[in-house]
Every structure is written in structure tokens, then in C-alpha cells.
N, C-alpha and C. Protein backbone atom coordinates (compact mmCIF):
# COMPACT_ATOMS: atom_id res chain seq x y z
N UNK A 1 0.84 -1.20 0.00
CA UNK A 1 0.00 0.00 0.00
C UNK A 1 0.88 1.25 0.00
N UNK A 2 0.49 2.20 -0.85
CA UNK A 2 1.22 3.46 -0.86
C UNK A 2 0.90 4.27 0.39
N UNK A 3 1.93 4.97 0.89
CA UNK A 3 1.75 5.88 2.03
C UNK A 3 2.17 7.28 1.59
N UNK A 4 1.49 8.28 2.13
CA UNK A 4 1.76 9.67 1.82
C UNK A 4 1.72 10.44 3.14
N UNK A 5 2.88 10.86 3.63
CA UNK A 5 2.98 11.50 4.94
C UNK A 5 3.37 12.97 4.77
N UNK A 6 2.74 13.81 5.58
CA UNK A 6 3.10 15.22 5.64
C UNK A 6 3.79 15.44 6.98
N UNK A 7 5.03 15.94 6.94
CA UNK A 7 5.85 16.08 8.14
C UNK A 7 6.32 17.52 8.27
N UNK A 8 6.31 18.04 9.49
CA UNK A 8 6.88 19.36 9.76
C UNK A 8 8.30 19.14 10.27
N UNK A 9 9.27 19.28 9.37
CA UNK A 9 10.66 19.05 9.76
C UNK A 9 11.16 20.19 10.62
N UNK A 10 11.66 19.87 11.82
CA UNK A 10 12.22 20.93 12.66
C UNK A 10 13.60 21.37 12.17
N UNK A 11 14.04 22.48 12.70
CA UNK A 11 15.41 22.96 12.47
C UNK A 11 16.41 21.93 13.00
N UNK A 12 17.56 21.81 12.32
CA UNK A 12 18.68 20.97 12.77
C UNK A 12 18.35 19.47 12.70
N UNK A 13 17.53 19.09 11.76
CA UNK A 13 17.23 17.68 11.51
C UNK A 13 17.63 17.35 10.08
N UNK A 14 18.37 16.24 9.92
CA UNK A 14 18.76 15.82 8.58
C UNK A 14 17.56 15.25 7.83
N UNK A 15 17.51 15.52 6.55
CA UNK A 15 16.39 15.07 5.72
C UNK A 15 16.68 13.67 5.17
N UNK A 16 16.99 12.75 6.08
CA UNK A 16 17.29 11.36 5.73
C UNK A 16 17.08 10.52 6.98
N UNK A 17 17.09 9.19 6.80
CA UNK A 17 16.79 8.31 7.92
C UNK A 17 18.03 7.78 8.63
N UNK A 18 19.20 7.98 8.05
CA UNK A 18 20.43 7.50 8.68
C UNK A 18 21.48 8.61 8.70
N UNK A 19 22.43 8.46 9.62
CA UNK A 19 23.53 9.41 9.72
C UNK A 19 24.78 8.64 10.12
N UNK A 20 25.76 8.64 9.24
CA UNK A 20 26.98 7.87 9.47
C UNK A 20 28.11 8.70 10.08
N UNK A 21 27.80 9.92 10.51
CA UNK A 21 28.86 10.77 11.06
C UNK A 21 29.29 10.26 12.43
N UNK A 22 30.46 10.71 12.86
CA UNK A 22 31.00 10.29 14.16
C UNK A 22 30.16 10.84 15.31
N UNK A 23 29.55 11.99 15.09
CA UNK A 23 28.67 12.58 16.11
C UNK A 23 27.25 12.55 15.56
N UNK A 24 26.50 11.50 15.85
CA UNK A 24 25.17 11.34 15.27
C UNK A 24 24.28 12.56 15.48
N UNK A 25 23.57 12.91 14.42
CA UNK A 25 22.65 14.04 14.45
C UNK A 25 21.22 13.52 14.30
N UNK A 26 20.25 14.37 14.60
CA UNK A 26 18.87 13.95 14.48
C UNK A 26 18.51 13.74 13.02
N UNK A 27 17.76 12.68 12.75
CA UNK A 27 17.32 12.36 11.40
C UNK A 27 15.82 12.12 11.40
N UNK A 28 15.27 11.80 10.23
CA UNK A 28 13.84 11.50 10.12
C UNK A 28 13.46 10.29 10.97
N UNK A 29 14.41 9.40 11.18
CA UNK A 29 14.13 8.20 11.98
C UNK A 29 13.73 8.54 13.41
N UNK A 30 14.18 9.68 13.91
CA UNK A 30 13.84 10.10 15.27
C UNK A 30 12.38 10.52 15.39
N UNK A 31 11.71 10.68 14.27
CA UNK A 31 10.34 11.20 14.28
C UNK A 31 9.33 10.27 13.59
N UNK A 32 9.77 9.55 12.58
CA UNK A 32 8.84 8.80 11.73
C UNK A 32 9.17 7.32 11.79
N UNK A 33 8.17 6.50 12.14
CA UNK A 33 8.38 5.06 12.29
C UNK A 33 7.69 4.26 11.19
N UNK A 34 7.45 4.88 10.05
CA UNK A 34 6.80 4.21 8.93
C UNK A 34 7.88 3.66 8.00
N UNK A 35 7.88 2.36 7.69
CA UNK A 35 8.93 1.79 6.85
C UNK A 35 8.76 2.14 5.37
N UNK A 36 9.90 2.22 4.70
CA UNK A 36 9.95 2.29 3.23
C UNK A 36 9.35 3.54 2.62
N UNK A 37 9.29 4.65 3.36
CA UNK A 37 8.91 5.92 2.75
C UNK A 37 10.15 6.80 2.66
N UNK A 38 10.17 7.66 1.66
CA UNK A 38 11.33 8.52 1.42
C UNK A 38 10.85 9.93 1.12
N UNK A 39 11.68 10.90 1.45
CA UNK A 39 11.29 12.29 1.28
C UNK A 39 11.22 12.66 -0.20
N UNK A 40 10.25 13.49 -0.52
CA UNK A 40 10.11 14.04 -1.87
C UNK A 40 10.89 15.34 -1.88
N UNK A 41 12.13 15.28 -2.35
CA UNK A 41 13.02 16.41 -2.27
C UNK A 41 13.60 16.53 -0.86
N UNK A 42 14.36 17.59 -0.65
CA UNK A 42 15.03 17.75 0.62
C UNK A 42 14.85 19.15 1.16
N UNK A 43 14.97 19.26 2.46
CA UNK A 43 15.14 20.53 3.12
C UNK A 43 16.49 20.49 3.81
N UNK A 44 17.25 21.57 3.71
CA UNK A 44 18.56 21.60 4.36
C UNK A 44 18.41 21.43 5.86
N UNK A 45 19.48 21.02 6.50
CA UNK A 45 19.47 20.82 7.94
C UNK A 45 19.02 22.08 8.68
N UNK A 46 19.40 23.25 8.16
CA UNK A 46 19.06 24.50 8.84
C UNK A 46 17.76 25.12 8.32
N UNK A 47 16.99 24.37 7.56
CA UNK A 47 15.67 24.82 7.10
C UNK A 47 14.59 24.00 7.79
N UNK A 48 13.39 24.52 7.74
CA UNK A 48 12.27 23.90 8.46
C UNK A 48 11.06 23.76 7.53
N UNK A 49 10.06 23.02 8.04
CA UNK A 49 8.78 23.06 7.38
C UNK A 49 8.34 21.80 6.67
N UNK A 50 7.48 22.00 5.68
CA UNK A 50 6.75 20.91 5.03
C UNK A 50 7.67 19.96 4.29
N UNK A 51 7.48 18.69 4.58
CA UNK A 51 8.18 17.63 3.88
C UNK A 51 7.17 16.52 3.58
N UNK A 52 7.10 16.13 2.32
CA UNK A 52 6.23 15.02 1.92
C UNK A 52 7.09 13.76 1.82
N UNK A 53 6.60 12.68 2.41
CA UNK A 53 7.30 11.40 2.32
C UNK A 53 6.33 10.37 1.73
N UNK A 54 6.86 9.51 0.85
CA UNK A 54 6.00 8.52 0.21
C UNK A 54 6.84 7.36 -0.31
N UNK A 55 6.16 6.27 -0.63
CA UNK A 55 6.78 5.16 -1.35
C UNK A 55 6.23 5.08 -2.78
N UNK A 56 5.57 6.14 -3.23
CA UNK A 56 5.00 6.23 -4.57
C UNK A 56 6.02 6.91 -5.47
N UNK A 57 6.84 6.12 -6.14
CA UNK A 57 7.93 6.67 -6.94
C UNK A 57 7.46 7.50 -8.12
N UNK A 58 6.33 7.14 -8.71
CA UNK A 58 5.84 7.86 -9.88
C UNK A 58 5.39 9.27 -9.50
N UNK A 59 4.67 9.38 -8.39
CA UNK A 59 4.25 10.71 -7.94
C UNK A 59 5.46 11.54 -7.53
N UNK A 60 6.40 10.93 -6.87
CA UNK A 60 7.62 11.63 -6.46
C UNK A 60 8.33 12.22 -7.68
N UNK A 61 8.43 11.45 -8.75
CA UNK A 61 9.07 11.93 -9.98
C UNK A 61 8.34 13.14 -10.54
N UNK A 62 7.02 13.09 -10.55
CA UNK A 62 6.22 14.20 -11.09
C UNK A 62 6.40 15.47 -10.27
N UNK A 63 6.59 15.33 -8.98
CA UNK A 63 6.75 16.50 -8.11
C UNK A 63 8.14 17.10 -8.19
N UNK A 64 9.15 16.26 -8.47
CA UNK A 64 10.54 16.72 -8.41
C UNK A 64 11.13 17.13 -9.76
N UNK A 65 10.73 16.48 -10.83
CA UNK A 65 11.35 16.75 -12.13
C UNK A 65 11.03 18.19 -12.56
N UNK A 66 12.06 19.01 -12.82
CA UNK A 66 11.83 20.41 -13.17
C UNK A 66 10.93 20.62 -14.38
N UNK A 67 10.85 19.63 -15.26
CA UNK A 67 10.02 19.80 -16.46
C UNK A 67 8.54 19.98 -16.11
N UNK A 68 8.13 19.50 -14.93
CA UNK A 68 6.73 19.61 -14.54
C UNK A 68 6.44 20.90 -13.76
N UNK A 69 7.47 21.57 -13.27
CA UNK A 69 7.34 22.90 -12.66
C UNK A 69 6.36 22.98 -11.50
N UNK A 70 6.46 22.07 -10.55
CA UNK A 70 5.53 22.08 -9.43
C UNK A 70 5.94 23.10 -8.36
N UNK A 71 4.93 23.74 -7.77
CA UNK A 71 5.18 24.85 -6.84
C UNK A 71 5.67 24.39 -5.48
N UNK A 72 6.62 25.17 -4.94
CA UNK A 72 7.07 25.04 -3.56
C UNK A 72 7.06 26.44 -2.96
N UNK A 73 6.40 26.61 -1.84
CA UNK A 73 6.25 27.95 -1.26
C UNK A 73 6.98 28.03 0.08
N UNK A 74 7.71 29.13 0.25
CA UNK A 74 8.54 29.33 1.44
C UNK A 74 8.24 30.68 2.08
N UNK A 75 8.32 30.72 3.40
CA UNK A 75 8.38 31.99 4.12
C UNK A 75 9.82 32.19 4.54
N UNK A 76 10.37 33.33 4.18
CA UNK A 76 11.80 33.57 4.30
C UNK A 76 12.05 34.85 5.11
N UNK A 77 12.76 34.72 6.20
CA UNK A 77 13.17 35.89 6.98
C UNK A 77 14.57 36.30 6.52
N UNK A 78 14.71 37.57 6.15
CA UNK A 78 15.98 38.06 5.63
C UNK A 78 16.45 39.25 6.44
N UNK A 79 17.76 39.49 6.35
CA UNK A 79 18.33 40.68 6.97
C UNK A 79 17.90 41.92 6.18
N UNK A 80 17.44 42.93 6.89
CA UNK A 80 16.99 44.20 6.33
C UNK A 80 15.69 44.02 5.54
N UNK A 81 15.16 45.10 5.04
CA UNK A 81 13.87 45.09 4.34
C UNK A 81 14.12 45.23 2.84
N UNK A 82 13.86 44.21 2.06
CA UNK A 82 14.14 44.28 0.62
C UNK A 82 13.30 45.36 -0.07
N UNK A 83 13.93 46.09 -0.99
CA UNK A 83 13.19 47.08 -1.76
C UNK A 83 12.54 46.42 -2.97
N UNK A 84 11.71 47.16 -3.66
CA UNK A 84 10.94 46.60 -4.76
C UNK A 84 11.86 46.15 -5.91
N UNK A 85 12.95 46.88 -6.13
CA UNK A 85 13.87 46.50 -7.21
C UNK A 85 14.49 45.12 -6.93
N UNK A 86 14.82 44.86 -5.68
CA UNK A 86 15.40 43.56 -5.31
C UNK A 86 14.37 42.45 -5.44
N UNK A 87 13.13 42.74 -5.05
CA UNK A 87 12.07 41.74 -5.20
C UNK A 87 11.86 41.40 -6.67
N UNK A 88 11.92 42.43 -7.54
CA UNK A 88 11.73 42.17 -8.97
C UNK A 88 12.87 41.33 -9.53
N UNK A 89 14.07 41.54 -9.04
CA UNK A 89 15.20 40.70 -9.48
C UNK A 89 14.95 39.24 -9.13
N UNK A 90 14.44 39.00 -7.92
CA UNK A 90 14.13 37.63 -7.52
C UNK A 90 13.03 37.04 -8.40
N UNK A 91 12.03 37.87 -8.74
CA UNK A 91 10.94 37.39 -9.60
C UNK A 91 11.45 37.03 -10.99
N UNK A 92 12.35 37.85 -11.50
CA UNK A 92 12.84 37.65 -12.87
C UNK A 92 13.84 36.51 -12.98
N UNK A 93 14.53 36.23 -11.88
CA UNK A 93 15.58 35.21 -11.89
C UNK A 93 16.94 35.84 -11.68
N UNK A 94 17.76 35.19 -10.86
CA UNK A 94 19.11 35.68 -10.59
C UNK A 94 20.10 34.58 -10.94
N UNK A 95 21.34 34.98 -11.17
CA UNK A 95 22.38 34.01 -11.53
C UNK A 95 23.13 33.59 -10.28
N UNK A 96 23.13 32.28 -10.03
CA UNK A 96 23.89 31.73 -8.90
C UNK A 96 24.68 30.53 -9.41
N UNK A 97 26.00 30.61 -9.25
CA UNK A 97 26.89 29.52 -9.68
C UNK A 97 26.66 29.13 -11.14
N UNK A 98 26.71 30.10 -12.01
CA UNK A 98 26.57 29.90 -13.45
C UNK A 98 25.19 29.37 -13.86
N UNK A 99 24.21 29.49 -12.98
CA UNK A 99 22.86 29.04 -13.32
C UNK A 99 21.89 30.18 -13.05
N UNK A 100 21.00 30.43 -14.01
CA UNK A 100 19.99 31.46 -13.81
C UNK A 100 18.69 30.80 -13.35
N UNK A 101 18.20 31.27 -12.21
CA UNK A 101 17.00 30.67 -11.65
C UNK A 101 15.77 31.00 -12.51
N UNK A 102 14.79 30.15 -12.41
CA UNK A 102 13.54 30.38 -13.13
C UNK A 102 12.78 31.54 -12.50
N UNK A 103 11.88 32.17 -13.26
CA UNK A 103 11.02 33.19 -12.66
C UNK A 103 10.27 32.64 -11.45
N UNK A 104 10.09 33.48 -10.45
CA UNK A 104 9.45 33.04 -9.21
C UNK A 104 8.41 34.08 -8.78
N UNK A 105 7.48 33.64 -7.96
CA UNK A 105 6.53 34.56 -7.34
C UNK A 105 7.12 35.02 -6.01
N UNK A 106 7.26 36.30 -5.82
CA UNK A 106 7.89 36.84 -4.60
C UNK A 106 7.09 38.05 -4.14
N UNK A 107 6.74 38.05 -2.87
CA UNK A 107 6.09 39.23 -2.30
C UNK A 107 6.59 39.44 -0.87
N UNK A 108 6.55 40.68 -0.44
CA UNK A 108 6.94 41.00 0.92
C UNK A 108 5.72 40.83 1.82
N UNK A 109 5.89 40.16 2.95
CA UNK A 109 4.81 39.99 3.91
C UNK A 109 4.73 41.22 4.79
N UNK A 110 3.52 41.74 4.97
CA UNK A 110 3.36 42.98 5.73
C UNK A 110 3.51 42.76 7.23
N UNK A 111 3.24 41.53 7.69
CA UNK A 111 3.42 41.20 9.11
C UNK A 111 4.20 39.90 9.22
N UNK A 112 4.86 39.72 10.33
CA UNK A 112 5.59 38.48 10.56
C UNK A 112 4.62 37.31 10.62
N UNK A 113 4.89 36.23 9.89
CA UNK A 113 3.96 35.10 9.89
C UNK A 113 3.91 34.41 11.24
N UNK A 114 2.78 33.77 11.51
CA UNK A 114 2.57 33.08 12.77
C UNK A 114 3.20 31.68 12.68
N UNK A 115 4.43 31.58 13.16
CA UNK A 115 5.18 30.34 13.10
C UNK A 115 5.61 29.92 14.50
N UNK A 116 5.79 28.62 14.73
CA UNK A 116 6.34 28.19 16.02
C UNK A 116 7.75 28.75 16.20
N UNK A 117 8.17 29.04 17.42
CA UNK A 117 9.53 29.53 17.64
C UNK A 117 10.56 28.51 17.15
N UNK A 118 11.67 29.03 16.66
CA UNK A 118 12.74 28.13 16.25
C UNK A 118 13.61 27.82 17.44
N UNK A 119 14.09 26.58 17.51
CA UNK A 119 14.98 26.17 18.59
C UNK A 119 16.26 25.59 17.98
N UNK A 120 17.40 26.31 18.11
CA UNK A 120 17.59 27.58 18.84
C UNK A 120 17.07 28.77 18.04
N UNK A 121 16.85 29.90 18.72
CA UNK A 121 16.36 31.08 18.03
C UNK A 121 17.36 31.61 17.01
N UNK A 122 16.85 32.37 16.07
CA UNK A 122 17.70 33.04 15.09
C UNK A 122 18.55 34.09 15.79
N UNK A 123 19.81 34.19 15.41
CA UNK A 123 20.68 35.22 15.96
C UNK A 123 20.58 36.48 15.10
N UNK A 124 20.22 37.57 15.71
CA UNK A 124 20.05 38.82 14.97
C UNK A 124 21.25 39.74 15.21
N UNK A 125 21.44 40.64 14.25
CA UNK A 125 22.45 41.68 14.45
C UNK A 125 21.78 42.89 15.05
N UNK A 126 22.42 43.47 16.04
CA UNK A 126 21.85 44.63 16.73
C UNK A 126 21.59 45.76 15.73
N UNK A 127 20.44 46.38 15.88
CA UNK A 127 20.07 47.55 15.08
C UNK A 127 19.92 47.25 13.58
N UNK A 128 19.81 45.97 13.21
CA UNK A 128 19.57 45.62 11.81
C UNK A 128 18.17 45.02 11.71
N UNK A 129 17.25 45.68 11.02
CA UNK A 129 15.88 45.16 10.91
C UNK A 129 15.84 43.90 10.05
N UNK A 130 14.76 43.18 10.15
CA UNK A 130 14.57 42.01 9.30
C UNK A 130 13.21 42.10 8.62
N UNK A 131 13.09 41.40 7.50
CA UNK A 131 11.83 41.37 6.77
C UNK A 131 11.47 39.94 6.40
N UNK A 132 10.20 39.73 6.08
CA UNK A 132 9.72 38.41 5.69
C UNK A 132 9.21 38.44 4.25
N UNK A 133 9.59 37.41 3.50
CA UNK A 133 9.14 37.25 2.12
C UNK A 133 8.38 35.95 1.97
N UNK A 134 7.45 35.94 1.03
CA UNK A 134 6.86 34.68 0.58
C UNK A 134 7.38 34.43 -0.83
N UNK A 135 8.03 33.29 -1.02
CA UNK A 135 8.62 32.95 -2.31
C UNK A 135 8.07 31.61 -2.80
N UNK A 136 7.56 31.60 -4.03
CA UNK A 136 7.08 30.37 -4.63
C UNK A 136 7.93 30.04 -5.84
N UNK A 137 8.62 28.91 -5.77
CA UNK A 137 9.54 28.47 -6.82
C UNK A 137 8.97 27.24 -7.52
N UNK A 138 9.44 27.00 -8.74
CA UNK A 138 9.05 25.80 -9.47
C UNK A 138 10.25 24.89 -9.70
N UNK A 139 11.27 25.07 -8.90
CA UNK A 139 12.46 24.23 -8.96
C UNK A 139 13.04 24.18 -7.55
N UNK A 140 13.92 23.20 -7.31
CA UNK A 140 14.44 23.06 -5.95
C UNK A 140 15.90 22.69 -5.92
N UNK A 141 16.74 23.58 -6.42
CA UNK A 141 18.18 23.32 -6.40
C UNK A 141 18.75 23.50 -4.99
N UNK A 142 19.95 22.95 -4.80
CA UNK A 142 20.58 22.95 -3.48
C UNK A 142 20.72 24.37 -2.93
N UNK A 143 20.12 24.61 -1.75
CA UNK A 143 20.19 25.89 -1.05
C UNK A 143 19.79 27.06 -1.93
N UNK A 144 18.85 26.83 -2.80
CA UNK A 144 18.51 27.83 -3.81
C UNK A 144 17.95 29.11 -3.22
N UNK A 145 16.99 29.01 -2.31
CA UNK A 145 16.39 30.22 -1.75
C UNK A 145 17.44 31.06 -1.05
N UNK A 146 18.28 30.44 -0.25
CA UNK A 146 19.32 31.18 0.47
C UNK A 146 20.27 31.86 -0.51
N UNK A 147 20.64 31.18 -1.56
CA UNK A 147 21.55 31.77 -2.54
C UNK A 147 20.89 32.88 -3.33
N UNK A 148 19.60 32.75 -3.58
CA UNK A 148 18.88 33.81 -4.30
C UNK A 148 18.82 35.09 -3.48
N UNK A 149 18.43 34.99 -2.21
CA UNK A 149 18.32 36.21 -1.41
C UNK A 149 19.70 36.83 -1.17
N UNK A 150 20.72 35.99 -1.01
CA UNK A 150 22.07 36.52 -0.83
C UNK A 150 22.53 37.25 -2.09
N UNK A 151 22.14 36.75 -3.26
CA UNK A 151 22.56 37.35 -4.53
C UNK A 151 22.03 38.76 -4.71
N UNK A 152 20.90 39.08 -4.07
CA UNK A 152 20.36 40.44 -4.18
C UNK A 152 20.63 41.25 -2.92
N UNK A 153 21.48 40.71 -2.03
CA UNK A 153 21.96 41.49 -0.89
C UNK A 153 21.18 41.37 0.40
N UNK A 154 20.36 40.30 0.53
CA UNK A 154 19.56 40.13 1.74
C UNK A 154 19.71 38.69 2.24
N UNK A 155 20.70 38.43 3.09
CA UNK A 155 20.94 37.06 3.56
C UNK A 155 19.74 36.48 4.29
N UNK A 156 19.50 35.20 4.07
CA UNK A 156 18.40 34.50 4.73
C UNK A 156 18.78 34.17 6.17
N UNK A 157 17.88 34.47 7.09
CA UNK A 157 18.07 34.14 8.50
C UNK A 157 17.27 32.91 8.91
N UNK A 158 16.07 32.80 8.36
CA UNK A 158 15.22 31.66 8.68
C UNK A 158 14.44 31.29 7.43
N UNK A 159 14.32 29.98 7.20
CA UNK A 159 13.66 29.50 5.97
C UNK A 159 12.69 28.37 6.35
N UNK A 160 11.41 28.59 6.02
CA UNK A 160 10.37 27.62 6.36
C UNK A 160 9.55 27.32 5.11
N UNK A 161 9.54 26.05 4.69
CA UNK A 161 8.67 25.68 3.58
C UNK A 161 7.26 25.46 4.11
N UNK A 162 6.29 26.18 3.56
CA UNK A 162 4.93 26.12 4.07
C UNK A 162 3.95 25.48 3.08
N UNK A 163 4.38 25.21 1.85
CA UNK A 163 3.46 24.62 0.89
C UNK A 163 4.18 23.90 -0.24
N UNK A 164 3.49 22.91 -0.80
CA UNK A 164 3.94 22.22 -2.01
C UNK A 164 2.68 21.89 -2.79
N UNK A 165 2.49 22.57 -3.94
CA UNK A 165 1.24 22.46 -4.67
C UNK A 165 0.07 22.73 -3.73
N UNK A 166 -0.88 21.80 -3.58
CA UNK A 166 -2.04 22.05 -2.72
C UNK A 166 -1.80 21.71 -1.25
N UNK A 167 -0.64 21.17 -0.91
CA UNK A 167 -0.36 20.76 0.46
C UNK A 167 0.13 21.95 1.28
N UNK A 168 -0.38 22.09 2.50
CA UNK A 168 -0.02 23.19 3.39
C UNK A 168 0.39 22.64 4.75
N UNK A 169 1.31 23.37 5.42
CA UNK A 169 1.78 22.93 6.72
C UNK A 169 0.70 23.08 7.79
N UNK A 170 -0.06 24.14 7.70
CA UNK A 170 -1.22 24.43 8.53
C UNK A 170 -1.03 24.09 10.01
N UNK A 171 -1.81 23.14 10.55
CA UNK A 171 -1.86 22.96 12.00
C UNK A 171 -0.74 22.07 12.57
N UNK A 172 0.09 21.50 11.73
CA UNK A 172 1.19 20.69 12.25
C UNK A 172 2.19 21.55 13.01
N UNK A 173 2.76 20.98 14.04
CA UNK A 173 3.84 21.61 14.80
C UNK A 173 5.15 20.91 14.46
N UNK A 174 6.29 21.57 14.68
CA UNK A 174 7.57 20.93 14.39
C UNK A 174 7.68 19.55 15.03
N UNK A 175 8.05 18.56 14.23
CA UNK A 175 8.19 17.20 14.72
C UNK A 175 6.95 16.35 14.55
N UNK A 176 5.83 16.93 14.15
CA UNK A 176 4.60 16.16 13.95
C UNK A 176 4.44 15.76 12.49
N UNK A 177 3.75 14.63 12.29
CA UNK A 177 3.40 14.21 10.94
C UNK A 177 2.00 13.60 10.94
N UNK A 178 1.44 13.54 9.74
CA UNK A 178 0.14 12.90 9.54
C UNK A 178 0.06 12.36 8.12
N UNK A 179 -0.88 11.46 7.90
CA UNK A 179 -1.15 10.98 6.55
C UNK A 179 -1.99 12.02 5.80
N UNK A 180 -1.80 12.08 4.48
CA UNK A 180 -2.64 12.94 3.67
C UNK A 180 -4.08 12.46 3.72
N UNK A 181 -5.00 13.39 3.65
CA UNK A 181 -6.41 13.02 3.53
C UNK A 181 -6.68 12.55 2.10
N UNK A 182 -7.81 11.89 1.91
CA UNK A 182 -8.18 11.44 0.57
C UNK A 182 -8.34 12.63 -0.37
N UNK A 183 -8.91 13.72 0.13
CA UNK A 183 -9.10 14.90 -0.72
C UNK A 183 -7.76 15.52 -1.12
N UNK A 184 -6.82 15.61 -0.16
CA UNK A 184 -5.50 16.16 -0.47
C UNK A 184 -4.79 15.32 -1.51
N UNK A 185 -4.83 14.00 -1.35
CA UNK A 185 -4.15 13.12 -2.28
C UNK A 185 -4.77 13.19 -3.66
N UNK A 186 -6.09 13.19 -3.71
CA UNK A 186 -6.77 13.25 -5.00
C UNK A 186 -6.40 14.52 -5.77
N UNK A 187 -6.38 15.67 -5.06
CA UNK A 187 -6.03 16.92 -5.71
C UNK A 187 -4.56 16.94 -6.13
N UNK A 188 -3.68 16.40 -5.30
CA UNK A 188 -2.26 16.36 -5.65
C UNK A 188 -2.04 15.49 -6.89
N UNK A 189 -2.68 14.35 -6.94
CA UNK A 189 -2.55 13.48 -8.11
C UNK A 189 -3.11 14.15 -9.36
N UNK A 190 -4.22 14.88 -9.21
CA UNK A 190 -4.78 15.58 -10.35
C UNK A 190 -3.79 16.61 -10.89
N UNK A 191 -3.17 17.37 -9.98
CA UNK A 191 -2.20 18.38 -10.40
C UNK A 191 -0.98 17.77 -11.07
N UNK A 192 -0.68 16.54 -10.69
CA UNK A 192 0.49 15.86 -11.26
C UNK A 192 0.13 15.02 -12.48
N UNK A 193 -1.13 15.08 -12.90
CA UNK A 193 -1.55 14.31 -14.06
C UNK A 193 -1.58 12.82 -13.81
N UNK A 194 -1.79 12.46 -12.53
CA UNK A 194 -1.79 11.06 -12.14
C UNK A 194 -3.21 10.61 -11.83
N UNK A 195 -3.55 9.41 -12.27
CA UNK A 195 -4.82 8.83 -11.87
C UNK A 195 -4.69 8.30 -10.45
N UNK A 196 -5.76 8.43 -9.69
CA UNK A 196 -5.73 7.94 -8.31
C UNK A 196 -5.58 6.43 -8.31
N UNK A 197 -4.54 5.94 -7.64
CA UNK A 197 -4.25 4.50 -7.68
C UNK A 197 -4.46 3.83 -6.34
N UNK A 198 -4.68 4.63 -5.28
CA UNK A 198 -4.83 4.00 -3.97
C UNK A 198 -5.55 4.93 -3.02
N UNK A 199 -6.15 4.36 -2.01
CA UNK A 199 -6.76 5.14 -0.93
C UNK A 199 -5.70 5.34 0.14
N UNK A 200 -5.48 6.58 0.61
CA UNK A 200 -4.41 6.79 1.59
C UNK A 200 -4.71 6.11 2.91
N UNK A 201 -3.65 5.67 3.56
CA UNK A 201 -3.76 5.13 4.90
C UNK A 201 -4.34 6.21 5.81
N UNK A 202 -5.22 5.83 6.72
CA UNK A 202 -5.85 6.82 7.58
C UNK A 202 -5.38 6.67 9.02
N UNK A 203 -5.06 7.80 9.62
CA UNK A 203 -4.72 7.84 11.03
C UNK A 203 -5.47 9.01 11.64
N UNK A 204 -6.05 8.81 12.77
CA UNK A 204 -6.97 9.82 13.30
C UNK A 204 -6.27 11.04 13.86
N UNK A 205 -5.03 10.89 14.35
CA UNK A 205 -4.36 12.03 14.98
C UNK A 205 -2.96 12.20 14.42
N UNK A 206 -2.46 13.44 14.51
CA UNK A 206 -1.08 13.69 14.11
C UNK A 206 -0.15 13.00 15.06
N UNK A 207 0.97 12.52 14.55
CA UNK A 207 1.97 11.86 15.37
C UNK A 207 3.05 12.85 15.73
N UNK A 208 3.49 12.83 16.97
CA UNK A 208 4.56 13.71 17.41
C UNK A 208 5.85 12.95 17.54
N UNK A 209 6.96 13.68 17.53
CA UNK A 209 8.26 13.03 17.62
C UNK A 209 8.45 12.45 19.01
N UNK A 210 9.37 11.49 19.06
CA UNK A 210 9.62 10.75 20.32
C UNK A 210 10.25 11.65 21.38
């Protein structure tokens, strides 16, 4: 049976189930006890938020392959308040490491989003204001959001993925996961051009980390 899990990855957690380093770090295994599911894309260790895990390889391919251009939405806290010219550069695409990013949807958030506190908290520079952006990309290269904001002069301080296509982080707290609802899965498959092949596993409550 296919499984489709929505997980709120906390800060400082590796986006994998094993860690071979000499000083073991927290991984997905510390939170998720479902066998044979794998993350659809990755979030960096220092990023947070929505992560989809599944054993449905076909759907995973549709979500990750750049040719299909599936949306990923992030709330991004940056140093200082970006001006409109910088936002337009992000929308148009910037060059990072000999690659020009695809056009993106970028807007400045008028108020700080309602997010759980990060542990540990972000370190701020005295007397330097910060701003929040909402960025929707159709590609997911390594550390792309951080490199994009740095390229226009606004380093990223905190990065939280809050959406992927129709999926939203919503009521989950860091370290919690749940199965997709039938409606969520049906809409996701429709957006990916996939026929519904299975009924999602149902669990009545969100699961929290150990």
C-alpha cells in the first residue's frame, strides 16, 4: 500500500533516515516510524517546514522533475527590508553559480507570519531590521532560496517551507506528521496528471516526535 505523509521538519534535523557521522545528528528516523517511505526532495538541515514522504515513486518523480514545474512555497526571513527592485530581481531570476533561476513569485509579507519559535532562536544583528518574504519556486536546487536572497543582498536568517502544490503545513507543529487526507491526495494526483491509484492510509491524529 502506498503511504503519503506530511511532516513538519524541525530545524537541525537531517532530511534522511540514517547518519553515518561520528557525532550522530537527528534524522527522520527520530520522528517517523513508517517503513519504506522517502522524502520528496530535501530541506537543508538548517531549514524547516513541510516535507512530503512517500513510497510512490511515480508521484515523487512528477513532483521533483523540473520539467513539470511544481510549486514550492517558502516563508523567508531576511536581513533588512528588501526594496521593490530587489524583489523584482528575484521574480525575474538571478544568476547563482553559473545558473539562472527560473522566474518566481515573490512578495513582501506585511506582518511576521505566525510560526512556532525556532529552537535555537535566530541570531540577529543589533540595530539591523529584518523582513519576511513569501517565495514560490518551481524548482528546488541545493540551497537555492538562500543563494537567491544573498545574490540580491539580503541574507536569509530563517527558511520555512509552508506549501507544495495544494499541500499546506497548517496545524502541524515541528516534529509532527500525519497521513494525507483522501481529498489532499486526489487533488495532488490531479495536479500531477496522475490517476488515483490508492486510498491513503488513515490515522486519526497527528503523530509527534519521540
